[in-house]
Amino acid sequence: MLSRRGTQKRHREPTIALINVVFLMLIFFMVAGSLAPSMDPAVRLVEAADLEASPPPDALVIRSDGTLTFRGAEMTSAQAYVRIVREEDADFAARVVPDRDLPAIQLVAVAKELRALGAARITLLSERNLP
């Protein structure tokens, strides 16, 4: 007696579709990468490592010992800073330049005081984002 074996058709993986997608992505990135012109090799960029950064004139500077200065003058508290800045802009955003060695607890205390005195926003300025 002959037995019939069930012939099941094996389904192949759709590798052709995957290859097409990868190929299209390759073409896309090759075109996108060539859209930006390369910089002129004769141009030498400025090195800013030796420049001394100074805080913006409208920023409150907090030294490592916790003393506050604004526009070169020493402040007794953040309230004096707020009073001066409010005369120029009623809805002010405080800009603070903390010293690298300032303890975080003192920075948070000054930020809380500024917020309580009406600062709409407090921006911390660092080496990287000083103008």
N, C-alpha and C. Protein backbone atom coordinates (compact mmCIF):
# COMPACT_ATOMS: atom_id res chain seq x y z
N MET A 1 0.82 -1.15 0.00
CA MET A 1 0.00 0.00 0.00
C MET A 1 0.89 1.24 0.00
N LEU A 2 0.52 2.07 -0.83
CA LEU A 2 1.27 3.32 -0.95
C LEU A 2 0.64 4.37 -0.04
N SER A 3 1.48 4.99 0.70
CA SER A 3 0.95 6.05 1.56
C SER A 3 1.27 7.41 0.95
N ARG A 4 0.34 8.22 1.10
CA ARG A 4 0.54 9.56 0.57
C ARG A 4 1.15 10.46 1.62
N ARG A 5 2.18 11.04 1.23
CA ARG A 5 2.78 12.01 2.13
C ARG A 5 2.16 13.37 1.89
N GLY A 6 1.88 14.03 2.95
CA GLY A 6 1.31 15.37 2.81
C GLY A 6 2.39 16.32 2.32
N THR A 7 2.12 16.89 1.22
CA THR A 7 3.09 17.86 0.70
C THR A 7 2.68 19.25 1.14
N GLN A 8 3.51 19.79 1.96
CA GLN A 8 3.24 21.15 2.43
C GLN A 8 4.21 22.09 1.74
N LYS A 9 3.65 23.13 1.28
CA LYS A 9 4.47 24.12 0.59
C LYS A 9 5.15 25.01 1.63
N ARG A 10 6.43 25.09 1.53
CA ARG A 10 7.16 25.93 2.47
C ARG A 10 7.06 27.38 2.03
N HIS A 11 6.83 28.24 3.02
CA HIS A 11 6.75 29.67 2.74
C HIS A 11 8.14 30.27 2.93
N ARG A 12 8.59 30.92 1.93
CA ARG A 12 9.90 31.55 2.01
C ARG A 12 9.77 32.94 2.65
N GLU A 13 10.83 33.34 3.31
CA GLU A 13 10.86 34.65 3.93
C GLU A 13 10.92 35.73 2.84
N PRO A 14 10.28 36.83 3.05
CA PRO A 14 10.30 37.89 2.03
C PRO A 14 11.60 38.69 2.08
N THR A 15 12.70 38.05 1.74
CA THR A 15 14.00 38.73 1.81
C THR A 15 14.18 39.75 0.70
N ILE A 16 13.51 39.56 -0.41
CA ILE A 16 13.63 40.53 -1.50
C ILE A 16 13.10 41.89 -1.06
N ALA A 17 11.98 41.88 -0.35
CA ALA A 17 11.42 43.15 0.12
C ALA A 17 12.36 43.83 1.12
N LEU A 18 12.98 43.05 1.98
CA LEU A 18 13.91 43.61 2.95
C LEU A 18 15.14 44.19 2.24
N ILE A 19 15.62 43.50 1.24
CA ILE A 19 16.77 44.00 0.47
C ILE A 19 16.41 45.30 -0.24
N ASN A 20 15.21 45.40 -0.77
CA ASN A 20 14.78 46.62 -1.45
C ASN A 20 14.71 47.80 -0.48
N VAL A 21 14.20 47.57 0.72
CA VAL A 21 14.09 48.65 1.70
C VAL A 21 15.49 49.11 2.11
N VAL A 22 16.39 48.18 2.37
CA VAL A 22 17.75 48.55 2.76
C VAL A 22 18.44 49.31 1.62
N PHE A 23 18.24 48.89 0.42
CA PHE A 23 18.83 49.56 -0.73
C PHE A 23 18.30 50.99 -0.87
N LEU A 24 16.99 51.17 -0.69
CA LEU A 24 16.41 52.51 -0.78
C LEU A 24 16.95 53.42 0.34
N MET A 25 17.12 52.85 1.54
CA MET A 25 17.68 53.64 2.64
C MET A 25 19.13 54.04 2.33
N LEU A 26 19.88 53.14 1.74
CA LEU A 26 21.26 53.44 1.36
C LEU A 26 21.31 54.60 0.37
N ILE A 27 20.44 54.54 -0.64
CA ILE A 27 20.38 55.62 -1.64
C ILE A 27 19.99 56.94 -0.97
N PHE A 28 18.99 56.90 -0.08
CA PHE A 28 18.53 58.11 0.60
C PHE A 28 19.67 58.75 1.38
N PHE A 29 20.40 57.97 2.17
CA PHE A 29 21.46 58.55 2.99
C PHE A 29 22.64 59.02 2.14
N MET A 30 22.88 58.38 1.03
CA MET A 30 23.94 58.86 0.14
C MET A 30 23.57 60.22 -0.44
N VAL A 31 22.32 60.39 -0.84
CA VAL A 31 21.88 61.67 -1.40
C VAL A 31 21.82 62.74 -0.32
N ALA A 32 21.28 62.39 0.86
CA ALA A 32 21.16 63.37 1.95
C ALA A 32 22.54 63.82 2.43
N GLY A 33 23.50 62.93 2.45
CA GLY A 33 24.84 63.29 2.90
C GLY A 33 25.57 64.17 1.91
N SER A 34 25.23 64.10 0.66
CA SER A 34 25.93 64.91 -0.32
C SER A 34 25.27 66.26 -0.55
N LEU A 35 24.12 66.53 0.09
CA LEU A 35 23.45 67.81 -0.09
C LEU A 35 24.19 68.94 0.61
N ALA A 36 24.79 68.64 1.76
CA ALA A 36 25.51 69.68 2.50
C ALA A 36 26.89 69.85 1.89
N PRO A 37 27.21 71.06 1.45
CA PRO A 37 28.54 71.26 0.85
C PRO A 37 29.62 71.18 1.93
N SER A 38 30.75 70.67 1.58
CA SER A 38 31.85 70.58 2.54
C SER A 38 32.50 71.94 2.69
N MET A 39 33.14 72.13 3.84
CA MET A 39 33.78 73.41 4.12
C MET A 39 35.06 73.54 3.30
N ASP A 40 35.35 74.75 2.95
CA ASP A 40 36.55 75.04 2.18
C ASP A 40 37.78 74.63 2.99
N PRO A 41 38.65 73.78 2.46
CA PRO A 41 39.80 73.33 3.24
C PRO A 41 40.81 74.43 3.54
N ALA A 42 40.76 75.53 2.83
CA ALA A 42 41.69 76.63 3.08
C ALA A 42 41.29 77.47 4.28
N VAL A 43 40.05 77.32 4.77
CA VAL A 43 39.56 78.11 5.89
C VAL A 43 40.01 77.47 7.20
N ARG A 44 40.60 78.27 8.07
CA ARG A 44 40.99 77.79 9.40
C ARG A 44 40.04 78.42 10.40
N LEU A 45 39.43 77.62 11.25
CA LEU A 45 38.46 78.11 12.22
C LEU A 45 39.14 78.76 13.41
N VAL A 46 38.43 79.66 14.05
CA VAL A 46 38.93 80.37 15.23
C VAL A 46 38.96 79.41 16.41
N GLU A 47 40.02 79.46 17.19
CA GLU A 47 40.10 78.67 18.41
C GLU A 47 39.71 79.56 19.57
N ALA A 48 38.69 79.15 20.30
CA ALA A 48 38.17 79.97 21.39
C ALA A 48 38.59 79.45 22.76
N ALA A 49 39.54 78.55 22.82
CA ALA A 49 39.94 77.97 24.10
C ALA A 49 40.62 79.00 25.00
N ASP A 50 41.34 79.96 24.43
CA ASP A 50 42.08 80.91 25.23
C ASP A 50 41.30 82.20 25.52
N LEU A 51 40.09 82.32 24.99
CA LEU A 51 39.31 83.53 25.23
C LEU A 51 38.76 83.52 26.65
N GLU A 52 38.76 84.68 27.27
CA GLU A 52 38.20 84.78 28.60
C GLU A 52 36.74 85.21 28.47
N ALA A 53 35.85 84.40 28.99
CA ALA A 53 34.43 84.70 28.90
C ALA A 53 34.03 85.62 30.05
N SER A 54 33.20 86.57 29.75
CA SER A 54 32.67 87.44 30.79
C SER A 54 31.17 87.29 30.79
N PRO A 55 30.56 87.37 31.96
CA PRO A 55 29.11 87.20 32.03
C PRO A 55 28.39 88.36 31.36
N PRO A 56 27.19 88.11 30.85
CA PRO A 56 26.41 89.20 30.26
C PRO A 56 26.09 90.25 31.33
N PRO A 57 25.92 91.49 30.92
CA PRO A 57 25.73 92.55 31.91
C PRO A 57 24.44 92.46 32.71
N ASP A 58 23.45 91.72 32.22
CA ASP A 58 22.18 91.63 32.94
C ASP A 58 22.06 90.35 33.75
N ALA A 59 23.18 89.67 34.03
CA ALA A 59 23.14 88.40 34.76
C ALA A 59 23.61 88.60 36.19
N LEU A 60 23.02 87.84 37.08
CA LEU A 60 23.41 87.82 38.49
C LEU A 60 24.51 86.78 38.63
N VAL A 61 25.66 87.19 39.12
CA VAL A 61 26.81 86.29 39.28
C VAL A 61 26.88 85.85 40.73
N ILE A 62 27.00 84.54 40.93
CA ILE A 62 27.13 83.99 42.28
C ILE A 62 28.52 83.38 42.40
N ARG A 63 29.34 83.95 43.28
CA ARG A 63 30.70 83.44 43.47
C ARG A 63 30.68 82.16 44.29
N SER A 64 31.83 81.51 44.38
CA SER A 64 31.90 80.23 45.09
C SER A 64 31.62 80.37 46.58
N ASP A 65 31.87 81.56 47.14
CA ASP A 65 31.58 81.76 48.57
C ASP A 65 30.14 82.21 48.81
N GLY A 66 29.34 82.34 47.76
CA GLY A 66 27.93 82.69 47.89
C GLY A 66 27.63 84.16 47.74
N THR A 67 28.64 85.01 47.54
CA THR A 67 28.37 86.43 47.37
C THR A 67 27.79 86.68 45.98
N LEU A 68 26.90 87.66 45.90
CA LEU A 68 26.20 87.99 44.66
C LEU A 68 26.76 89.29 44.10
N THR A 69 26.97 89.31 42.78
CA THR A 69 27.36 90.55 42.11
C THR A 69 26.47 90.75 40.89
N PHE A 70 26.20 92.01 40.59
CA PHE A 70 25.38 92.36 39.44
C PHE A 70 25.95 93.63 38.82
N ARG A 71 26.34 93.55 37.56
CA ARG A 71 26.95 94.66 36.83
C ARG A 71 28.17 95.21 37.57
N GLY A 72 28.94 94.31 38.14
CA GLY A 72 30.17 94.69 38.82
C GLY A 72 30.01 95.12 40.26
N ALA A 73 28.78 95.35 40.72
CA ALA A 73 28.55 95.79 42.09
C ALA A 73 28.11 94.60 42.94
N GLU A 74 28.59 94.56 44.17
CA GLU A 74 28.22 93.48 45.07
C GLU A 74 26.81 93.71 45.62
N MET A 75 26.01 92.65 45.64
CA MET A 75 24.63 92.72 46.13
C MET A 75 24.56 92.05 47.50
N THR A 76 23.70 92.57 48.35
CA THR A 76 23.53 91.95 49.66
C THR A 76 22.57 90.77 49.60
N SER A 77 21.62 90.83 48.67
CA SER A 77 20.67 89.72 48.51
C SER A 77 20.13 89.73 47.09
N ALA A 78 19.40 88.69 46.75
CA ALA A 78 18.79 88.62 45.43
C ALA A 78 17.68 89.65 45.29
N GLN A 79 17.18 90.14 46.40
CA GLN A 79 16.10 91.13 46.36
C GLN A 79 16.57 92.43 45.71
N ALA A 80 17.80 92.83 45.95
CA ALA A 80 18.33 94.05 45.33
C ALA A 80 18.43 93.86 43.82
N TYR A 81 18.86 92.67 43.39
CA TYR A 81 18.93 92.35 41.96
C TYR A 81 17.54 92.44 41.33
N VAL A 82 16.56 91.85 41.99
CA VAL A 82 15.19 91.85 41.46
C VAL A 82 14.66 93.27 41.36
N ARG A 83 14.94 94.10 42.34
CA ARG A 83 14.46 95.48 42.33
C ARG A 83 15.02 96.23 41.12
N ILE A 84 16.30 96.05 40.83
CA ILE A 84 16.93 96.74 39.69
C ILE A 84 16.37 96.22 38.37
N VAL A 85 16.25 94.91 38.25
CA VAL A 85 15.80 94.31 36.99
C VAL A 85 14.33 94.60 36.75
N ARG A 86 13.53 94.65 37.80
CA ARG A 86 12.09 94.94 37.65
C ARG A 86 11.84 96.34 37.12
N GLU A 87 12.73 97.27 37.41
CA GLU A 87 12.56 98.62 36.88
C GLU A 87 12.66 98.61 35.36
N GLU A 88 13.49 97.68 34.82
CA GLU A 88 13.67 97.61 33.38
C GLU A 88 12.63 96.73 32.71
N ASP A 89 12.20 95.66 33.39
CA ASP A 89 11.25 94.73 32.81
C ASP A 89 10.41 94.13 33.94
N ALA A 90 9.12 94.40 33.94
CA ALA A 90 8.25 93.94 35.03
C ALA A 90 8.11 92.41 35.02
N ASP A 91 8.08 91.80 33.86
CA ASP A 91 7.95 90.35 33.74
C ASP A 91 9.31 89.77 33.38
N PHE A 92 10.24 89.84 34.32
CA PHE A 92 11.63 89.53 33.99
C PHE A 92 11.96 88.05 34.09
N ALA A 93 12.99 87.67 33.36
CA ALA A 93 13.56 86.34 33.44
C ALA A 93 14.95 86.49 34.03
N ALA A 94 15.19 85.86 35.16
CA ALA A 94 16.48 85.99 35.84
C ALA A 94 17.54 85.17 35.12
N ARG A 95 18.69 85.77 34.91
CA ARG A 95 19.84 85.08 34.31
C ARG A 95 20.90 84.98 35.39
N VAL A 96 21.32 83.77 35.68
CA VAL A 96 22.24 83.52 36.79
C VAL A 96 23.50 82.84 36.26
N VAL A 97 24.66 83.36 36.67
CA VAL A 97 25.95 82.77 36.33
C VAL A 97 26.57 82.27 37.63
N PRO A 98 26.44 80.97 37.91
CA PRO A 98 27.03 80.44 39.15
C PRO A 98 28.50 80.07 38.95
N ASP A 99 29.27 80.20 40.00
CA ASP A 99 30.66 79.76 39.97
C ASP A 99 30.69 78.24 39.93
N ARG A 100 31.72 77.71 39.33
CA ARG A 100 31.86 76.26 39.20
C ARG A 100 31.92 75.57 40.56
N ASP A 101 32.51 76.23 41.56
CA ASP A 101 32.69 75.64 42.88
C ASP A 101 31.57 75.98 43.85
N LEU A 102 30.52 76.63 43.39
CA LEU A 102 29.40 76.98 44.25
C LEU A 102 28.63 75.71 44.63
N PRO A 103 28.39 75.50 45.92
CA PRO A 103 27.60 74.33 46.31
C PRO A 103 26.18 74.42 45.75
N ALA A 104 25.65 73.29 45.35
CA ALA A 104 24.32 73.25 44.73
C ALA A 104 23.24 73.73 45.69
N ILE A 105 23.42 73.52 46.97
CA ILE A 105 22.42 73.95 47.95
C ILE A 105 22.26 75.47 47.92
N GLN A 106 23.38 76.19 47.81
CA GLN A 106 23.31 77.66 47.74
C GLN A 106 22.68 78.12 46.43
N LEU A 107 22.98 77.42 45.34
CA LEU A 107 22.39 77.78 44.05
C LEU A 107 20.87 77.58 44.08
N VAL A 108 20.44 76.49 44.65
CA VAL A 108 18.99 76.23 44.74
C VAL A 108 18.33 77.26 45.64
N ALA A 109 18.99 77.65 46.72
CA ALA A 109 18.42 78.65 47.62
C ALA A 109 18.24 79.99 46.91
N VAL A 110 19.22 80.39 46.13
CA VAL A 110 19.12 81.65 45.38
C VAL A 110 18.01 81.54 44.33
N ALA A 111 17.93 80.39 43.66
CA ALA A 111 16.88 80.20 42.65
C ALA A 111 15.50 80.25 43.27
N LYS A 112 15.33 79.65 44.43
CA LYS A 112 14.04 79.71 45.12
C LYS A 112 13.69 81.14 45.52
N GLU A 113 14.70 81.88 45.98
CA GLU A 113 14.47 83.27 46.36
C GLU A 113 14.07 84.11 45.14
N LEU A 114 14.73 83.89 44.01
CA LEU A 114 14.37 84.61 42.80
C LEU A 114 12.96 84.28 42.35
N ARG A 115 12.60 83.01 42.43
CA ARG A 115 11.25 82.58 42.03
C ARG A 115 10.21 83.20 42.96
N ALA A 116 10.50 83.25 44.25
CA ALA A 116 9.56 83.84 45.21
C ALA A 116 9.42 85.34 45.00
N LEU A 117 10.47 85.98 44.48
CA LEU A 117 10.42 87.42 44.24
C LEU A 117 9.79 87.78 42.90
N GLY A 118 9.36 86.76 42.14
CA GLY A 118 8.61 87.03 40.92
C GLY A 118 9.30 86.76 39.61
N ALA A 119 10.41 86.04 39.62
CA ALA A 119 11.08 85.73 38.36
C ALA A 119 10.21 84.78 37.55
N ALA A 120 9.90 85.19 36.32
CA ALA A 120 9.06 84.34 35.46
C ALA A 120 9.82 83.09 35.03
N ARG A 121 11.13 83.24 34.83
CA ARG A 121 11.97 82.12 34.40
C ARG A 121 13.37 82.37 34.92
N ILE A 122 14.07 81.29 35.26
CA ILE A 122 15.45 81.40 35.72
C ILE A 122 16.33 80.62 34.76
N THR A 123 17.29 81.32 34.17
CA THR A 123 18.21 80.69 33.22
C THR A 123 19.60 80.65 33.82
N LEU A 124 20.17 79.45 33.88
CA LEU A 124 21.54 79.30 34.36
C LEU A 124 22.47 79.37 33.16
N LEU A 125 23.46 80.23 33.23
CA LEU A 125 24.43 80.36 32.15
C LEU A 125 25.71 79.64 32.53
N SER A 126 26.25 78.92 31.58
CA SER A 126 27.48 78.19 31.82
C SER A 126 28.53 78.63 30.81
N GLU A 127 29.69 78.00 30.87
CA GLU A 127 30.77 78.34 29.94
C GLU A 127 30.33 78.20 28.50
N ARG A 128 29.61 77.17 28.22
CA ARG A 128 29.24 76.87 26.84
C ARG A 128 28.24 77.87 26.27
N ASN A 129 27.28 78.35 27.07
CA ASN A 129 26.27 79.21 26.50
C ASN A 129 26.43 80.68 26.86
N LEU A 130 27.61 81.08 27.36
CA LEU A 130 27.85 82.51 27.54
C LEU A 130 28.07 83.13 26.18
N PRO A 131 27.47 84.29 25.92
CA PRO A 131 27.66 84.92 24.60
C PRO A 131 29.06 85.42 24.40
